[in-house]
Amino acid sequence: MKKLLLLFAITFMLLTSAQAQFFLGGSMTAYKYPGDHGVKFTRTSFSPFLGYQHNRWSFGLGFSYIKATGIYHSLTYGRAHAWTYEPFVRYDIVQKSRFAFFTDAFFSYTRYDVKNLHYLGFSPGIRYDLSKHLIATVQLGAIGYSDDFFYGYKGLVCSLSLNTALISLYYRFAK
């Protein structure tokens, strides 16, 4: 953990002095399922990411810390903690003024207390440049393949809806 924090600190110092198209951002989520169909749990996450943008292409690496408490389909897990590592490639399909429609291709590896989850997929989104440096994005879910998505599901996963939207802010270290 100390090595990871040191890596973030060194990377941040290099990015601020590089004056290139690097970016640093993230998101936080918190939601609570009320108890329908055997599901009753609370989940929170903190997800920073960093990357490099060159013309319409962006490359990056995201990390997430996830904490969940509750019951999921009669599996009482009390408290679960997870770390996710997610390298991604982003392509801006259409750019108009301050807006851009993009898609991310990503591979996600999550290590829960007792399980490993893998996900390979695509995620569409919309980007809005609030200023030269501050960027807001909204991603509308994902479509892809999972080998163990939420306790045993294996196969094609499609979750393209506003219920799974992810809103992120990031800072671009532009010239």
Protein backbone atom coordinates (compact mmCIF):
# COMPACT_ATOMS: atom_id res chain seq x y z
CA MET A 1 0.00 0.00 0.00
CA LYS A 2 2.85 2.39 0.84
CA LYS A 3 4.48 1.64 -2.50
CA LEU A 4 1.22 2.42 -4.31
CA LEU A 5 0.90 5.79 -2.54
CA LEU A 6 4.53 6.59 -3.29
CA LEU A 7 3.93 5.70 -6.96
CA PHE A 8 0.92 8.07 -7.06
CA ALA A 9 2.95 10.88 -5.47
CA ILE A 10 5.89 10.49 -7.88
CA THR A 11 3.56 10.21 -10.87
CA PHE A 12 1.68 13.35 -9.80
CA MET A 13 4.93 15.34 -9.48
CA LEU A 14 6.09 14.17 -12.91
CA LEU A 15 2.73 14.98 -14.50
CA THR A 16 2.64 18.49 -13.11
CA SER A 17 6.13 19.25 -14.41
CA ALA A 18 5.75 17.52 -17.80
CA GLN A 19 3.36 20.07 -19.36
CA ALA A 20 1.88 17.40 -21.61
CA GLN A 21 -1.65 16.10 -22.16
CA PHE A 22 -1.68 14.01 -19.00
CA PHE A 23 -4.81 13.85 -16.88
CA LEU A 24 -5.71 12.88 -13.34
CA GLY A 25 -9.24 12.35 -12.08
CA GLY A 26 -11.71 10.02 -10.52
CA SER A 27 -15.12 9.38 -9.10
CA MET A 28 -16.82 8.33 -5.89
CA THR A 29 -19.98 6.26 -5.66
CA ALA A 30 -22.34 5.32 -2.89
CA TYR A 31 -25.62 3.47 -3.19
CA LYS A 32 -27.96 1.40 -1.12
CA TYR A 33 -30.27 -1.36 -2.33
CA PRO A 34 -33.50 -1.35 -0.33
CA GLY A 35 -34.09 -5.09 0.01
CA ASP A 36 -35.93 -6.23 -3.13
CA HIS A 37 -35.65 -9.88 -4.25
CA GLY A 38 -33.22 -10.95 -1.55
CA VAL A 39 -30.82 -8.09 -2.20
CA LYS A 40 -30.11 -5.67 0.63
CA PHE A 41 -26.72 -4.03 0.74
CA THR A 42 -24.78 -0.79 0.74
CA ARG A 43 -21.78 -0.19 -1.53
CA THR A 44 -19.31 2.69 -1.63
CA SER A 45 -16.26 3.17 -3.83
CA PHE A 46 -13.42 5.60 -4.46
CA SER A 47 -11.93 5.42 -7.96
CA PRO A 48 -8.98 7.62 -9.02
CA PHE A 49 -7.42 7.29 -12.49
CA LEU A 50 -4.57 8.78 -14.47
CA GLY A 51 -3.77 8.78 -18.14
CA TYR A 52 -2.33 10.40 -21.23
CA GLN A 53 -4.29 11.97 -24.10
CA HIS A 54 -2.94 12.27 -27.64
CA ASN A 55 -5.34 13.70 -30.24
CA ARG A 56 -8.44 11.44 -30.17
CA TRP A 57 -6.76 8.64 -28.20
CA SER A 58 -6.34 8.36 -24.44
CA PHE A 59 -4.59 5.69 -22.43
CA GLY A 60 -4.89 5.27 -18.71
CA LEU A 61 -5.06 3.22 -15.57
CA GLY A 62 -7.79 3.34 -12.97
CA PHE A 63 -7.88 2.01 -9.43
CA SER A 64 -10.87 1.51 -7.15
CA TYR A 65 -11.38 0.73 -3.52
CA ILE A 66 -14.81 -0.79 -2.86
CA LYS A 67 -16.51 -1.43 0.46
CA ALA A 68 -19.80 -3.37 0.62
CA THR A 69 -21.99 -4.42 3.54
CA GLY A 70 -25.19 -6.48 3.61
CA ILE A 71 -26.83 -9.50 1.98
CA TYR A 72 -26.81 -10.52 -1.69
CA HIS A 73 -29.18 -13.37 -2.68
CA SER A 74 -28.94 -15.20 0.66
CA LEU A 75 -25.14 -14.83 0.72
CA THR A 76 -24.49 -12.93 3.93
CA TYR A 77 -21.10 -11.35 3.60
CA GLY A 78 -21.25 -8.72 6.32
CA ARG A 79 -18.42 -6.51 5.14
CA ALA A 80 -16.43 -7.02 1.97
CA HIS A 81 -13.51 -4.98 0.70
CA ALA A 82 -12.19 -5.00 -2.84
CA TRP A 83 -9.46 -3.48 -4.99
CA THR A 84 -9.93 -3.02 -8.73
CA TYR A 85 -7.23 -2.32 -11.32
CA GLU A 86 -8.49 -1.20 -14.71
CA PRO A 87 -6.28 -0.22 -17.65
CA PHE A 88 -8.25 1.46 -20.44
CA VAL A 89 -7.98 2.91 -23.94
CA ARG A 90 -10.37 5.72 -24.91
CA TYR A 91 -11.21 6.87 -28.42
CA ASP A 92 -13.13 10.11 -29.13
CA ILE A 93 -15.53 9.07 -31.90
CA VAL A 94 -17.10 12.50 -32.49
CA GLN A 95 -15.80 15.89 -31.33
CA LYS A 96 -17.91 19.04 -31.58
CA SER A 97 -16.76 22.21 -29.84
CA ARG A 98 -16.53 21.31 -26.14
CA PHE A 99 -18.42 17.99 -26.43
CA ALA A 100 -17.10 14.58 -27.43
CA PHE A 101 -18.71 11.16 -27.70
CA PHE A 102 -16.22 8.43 -26.78
CA THR A 103 -15.88 4.76 -26.04
CA ASP A 104 -13.56 3.05 -23.59
CA ALA A 105 -12.12 -0.41 -24.04
CA PHE A 106 -11.00 -1.80 -20.71
CA PHE A 107 -9.92 -4.83 -18.74
CA SER A 108 -10.91 -4.92 -15.10
CA TYR A 109 -9.44 -7.12 -12.39
CA THR A 110 -11.12 -7.03 -8.98
CA ARG A 111 -9.93 -8.84 -5.88
CA TYR A 112 -12.63 -9.19 -3.22
CA ASP A 113 -11.87 -10.71 0.16
CA VAL A 114 -12.40 -14.23 -1.20
CA LYS A 115 -13.07 -13.86 -4.94
CA ASN A 116 -11.43 -12.62 -8.13
CA LEU A 117 -13.54 -10.94 -10.80
CA HIS A 118 -12.43 -10.26 -14.39
CA TYR A 119 -14.25 -8.09 -16.89
CA LEU A 120 -13.36 -7.20 -20.48
CA GLY A 121 -15.59 -4.67 -22.16
CA PHE A 122 -16.54 -1.40 -23.79
CA SER A 123 -18.15 1.61 -22.18
CA PRO A 124 -19.69 4.50 -24.17
CA GLY A 125 -19.70 8.01 -22.77
CA ILE A 126 -19.96 11.75 -23.28
CA ARG A 127 -17.24 14.25 -22.40
CA TYR A 128 -17.67 17.98 -21.81
CA ASP A 129 -14.69 20.32 -21.49
CA LEU A 130 -15.64 22.71 -18.67
CA SER A 131 -12.39 24.63 -19.26
CA LYS A 132 -8.98 24.02 -20.81
CA HIS A 133 -8.04 21.88 -17.82
CA LEU A 134 -11.26 20.66 -16.13
CA ILE A 135 -13.20 17.87 -17.88
CA ALA A 136 -16.48 16.14 -16.96
CA THR A 137 -17.50 12.74 -18.33
CA VAL A 138 -20.59 10.57 -18.09
CA GLN A 139 -20.31 6.88 -18.94
CA LEU A 140 -23.52 4.93 -19.48
CA GLY A 141 -22.70 1.44 -18.27
CA ALA A 142 -20.76 -1.22 -20.14
CA ILE A 143 -21.03 -4.18 -22.44
CA GLY A 144 -18.55 -7.00 -22.30
CA TYR A 145 -17.57 -10.42 -21.02
CA SER A 146 -17.20 -11.38 -17.37
CA ASP A 147 -15.89 -14.63 -15.98
CA ASP A 148 -17.36 -14.16 -12.50
CA PHE A 149 -19.61 -11.12 -12.36
CA PHE A 150 -21.39 -10.74 -9.00
CA TYR A 151 -20.95 -14.20 -7.51
CA GLY A 152 -20.86 -16.70 -10.29
CA TYR A 153 -22.28 -15.13 -13.43
CA LYS A 154 -20.15 -15.98 -16.44
CA GLY A 155 -20.74 -14.70 -19.94
CA LEU A 156 -21.87 -11.64 -21.84
CA VAL A 157 -22.93 -8.69 -19.69
CA CYS A 158 -24.82 -5.64 -20.97
CA SER A 159 -25.69 -2.83 -18.57
CA LEU A 160 -26.24 0.26 -20.73
CA SER A 161 -28.62 2.47 -18.75
CA LEU A 162 -28.80 5.61 -16.66
CA ASN A 163 -28.96 3.40 -13.55
CA THR A 164 -25.33 2.43 -14.11
CA ALA A 165 -24.11 5.88 -15.21
CA LEU A 166 -20.72 6.96 -13.87
CA ILE A 167 -19.97 10.69 -13.59
CA SER A 168 -16.29 11.62 -13.36
CA LEU A 169 -14.24 14.78 -13.18
CA TYR A 170 -10.62 15.03 -14.17
CA TYR A 171 -7.89 17.60 -14.50
CA ARG A 172 -5.89 17.72 -17.74
CA PHE A 173 -2.35 19.05 -17.50
CA ALA A 174 -2.50 20.88 -20.86
CA LYS A 175 0.04 23.25 -22.35
